[in-house]
């Protein structure tokens, strides 16, 4: 039986990986989350427009979920800025 550390109620401290944003996503999860194909992902990495993966083994890589989420948020922000630009121009023309 494991004896809890005197400073803790349990023998381990649980970590909420999703809250910390440090979950690792394998390529298939990245494809599903972003809608990008395998070749588009690697093309974006080569061009510097998509987050690079992290080596997790001899022949394995994964992506930090926080970086993928940030990449998605940047795309949404760019879209929203483009959609709002004509509205702002119309508002200025009325003034």
Protein backbone atom coordinates (compact mmCIF):
# COMPACT_ATOMS: atom_id res chain seq x y z
CA UNK A 1 0.00 0.00 0.00
CA UNK A 2 1.26 3.46 -0.89
CA UNK A 3 1.55 5.97 1.90
CA UNK A 4 0.33 9.44 0.98
CA UNK A 5 2.81 12.28 1.10
CA UNK A 6 2.30 14.23 4.36
CA UNK A 7 1.42 17.38 2.40
CA UNK A 8 -1.24 15.65 0.28
CA UNK A 9 -4.40 13.66 0.85
CA UNK A 10 -3.45 11.28 -1.97
CA UNK A 11 -0.23 9.59 -3.11
CA UNK A 12 -0.38 11.56 -6.38
CA UNK A 13 -1.50 14.95 -7.58
CA UNK A 14 -4.01 14.66 -10.44
CA UNK A 15 -3.33 16.89 -13.45
CA UNK A 16 -6.14 18.28 -15.56
CA UNK A 17 -4.40 18.04 -18.95
CA UNK A 18 -7.23 19.66 -20.89
CA UNK A 19 -7.32 22.66 -18.59
CA UNK A 20 -3.56 23.11 -18.90
CA UNK A 21 -3.74 22.82 -22.69
CA UNK A 22 -0.90 20.33 -22.90
CA UNK A 23 -2.76 17.40 -24.46
CA UNK A 24 -0.93 15.80 -27.37
CA UNK A 25 -2.89 15.10 -30.55
CA UNK A 26 -1.87 12.47 -33.07
CA UNK A 27 -2.07 13.30 -36.79
CA UNK A 28 -5.53 11.79 -37.31
CA UNK A 29 -6.94 13.91 -34.47
CA UNK A 30 -5.32 17.02 -35.99
CA UNK A 31 -6.87 16.16 -39.36
CA UNK A 32 -10.32 15.78 -37.79
CA UNK A 33 -10.00 18.90 -35.66
CA UNK A 34 -8.75 21.17 -38.47
CA UNK A 35 -10.35 19.62 -41.53
CA UNK A 36 -6.92 19.57 -43.21
CA UNK A 37 -5.55 16.55 -45.04
CA UNK A 38 -2.27 14.88 -44.13
CA UNK A 39 -0.48 16.46 -47.09
CA UNK A 40 -1.93 19.92 -46.32
CA UNK A 41 -0.75 19.65 -42.71
CA UNK A 42 2.82 18.82 -43.72
CA UNK A 43 2.77 21.44 -46.50
CA UNK A 44 1.71 24.05 -43.90
CA UNK A 45 4.50 22.95 -41.57
CA UNK A 46 7.03 23.27 -44.41
CA UNK A 47 5.73 26.77 -45.27
CA UNK A 48 5.67 27.82 -41.62
CA UNK A 49 1.91 28.41 -41.61
CA UNK A 50 0.96 25.43 -39.41
CA UNK A 51 2.31 24.32 -36.02
CA UNK A 52 5.16 21.84 -36.12
CA UNK A 53 4.75 18.50 -34.34
CA UNK A 54 6.59 17.36 -31.24
CA UNK A 55 8.56 14.09 -31.40
CA UNK A 56 7.09 11.61 -28.92
CA UNK A 57 8.99 8.50 -29.95
CA UNK A 58 11.47 7.14 -32.44
CA UNK A 59 8.91 7.18 -35.27
CA UNK A 60 6.05 9.13 -33.69
CA UNK A 61 5.01 12.75 -33.52
CA UNK A 62 2.10 14.63 -32.01
CA UNK A 63 0.86 18.22 -31.88
CA UNK A 64 0.17 20.31 -28.81
CA UNK A 65 -3.57 20.82 -28.65
CA UNK A 66 -3.12 24.40 -27.44
CA UNK A 67 -1.13 25.24 -30.59
CA UNK A 68 -3.75 23.67 -32.85
CA UNK A 69 -6.51 25.52 -30.98
CA UNK A 70 -4.56 28.78 -31.37
CA UNK A 71 -4.13 28.12 -35.12
CA UNK A 72 -7.89 27.56 -35.45
CA UNK A 73 -8.65 30.71 -33.43
CA UNK A 74 -6.35 32.75 -35.70
CA UNK A 75 -8.26 31.50 -38.77
CA UNK A 76 -11.60 32.43 -37.16
CA UNK A 77 -10.31 35.88 -36.16
CA UNK A 78 -9.06 36.53 -39.71
CA UNK A 79 -12.42 35.44 -41.11
CA UNK A 80 -14.30 37.68 -38.68
CA UNK A 81 -12.06 40.65 -39.48
CA UNK A 82 -12.71 40.15 -43.19
CA UNK A 83 -16.46 39.88 -42.64
CA UNK A 84 -16.55 42.98 -40.43
CA UNK A 85 -14.45 45.17 -42.75
CA UNK A 86 -17.23 45.89 -45.29
CA UNK A 87 -19.66 46.64 -42.43
CA UNK A 88 -17.25 49.13 -40.87
CA UNK A 89 -16.70 50.83 -44.24
CA UNK A 90 -20.49 51.09 -44.74
CA UNK A 91 -20.91 52.60 -41.27
CA UNK A 92 -18.18 55.20 -41.96
CA UNK A 93 -19.79 56.14 -45.29
CA UNK A 94 -23.11 56.89 -43.52
CA UNK A 95 -21.51 59.20 -40.95
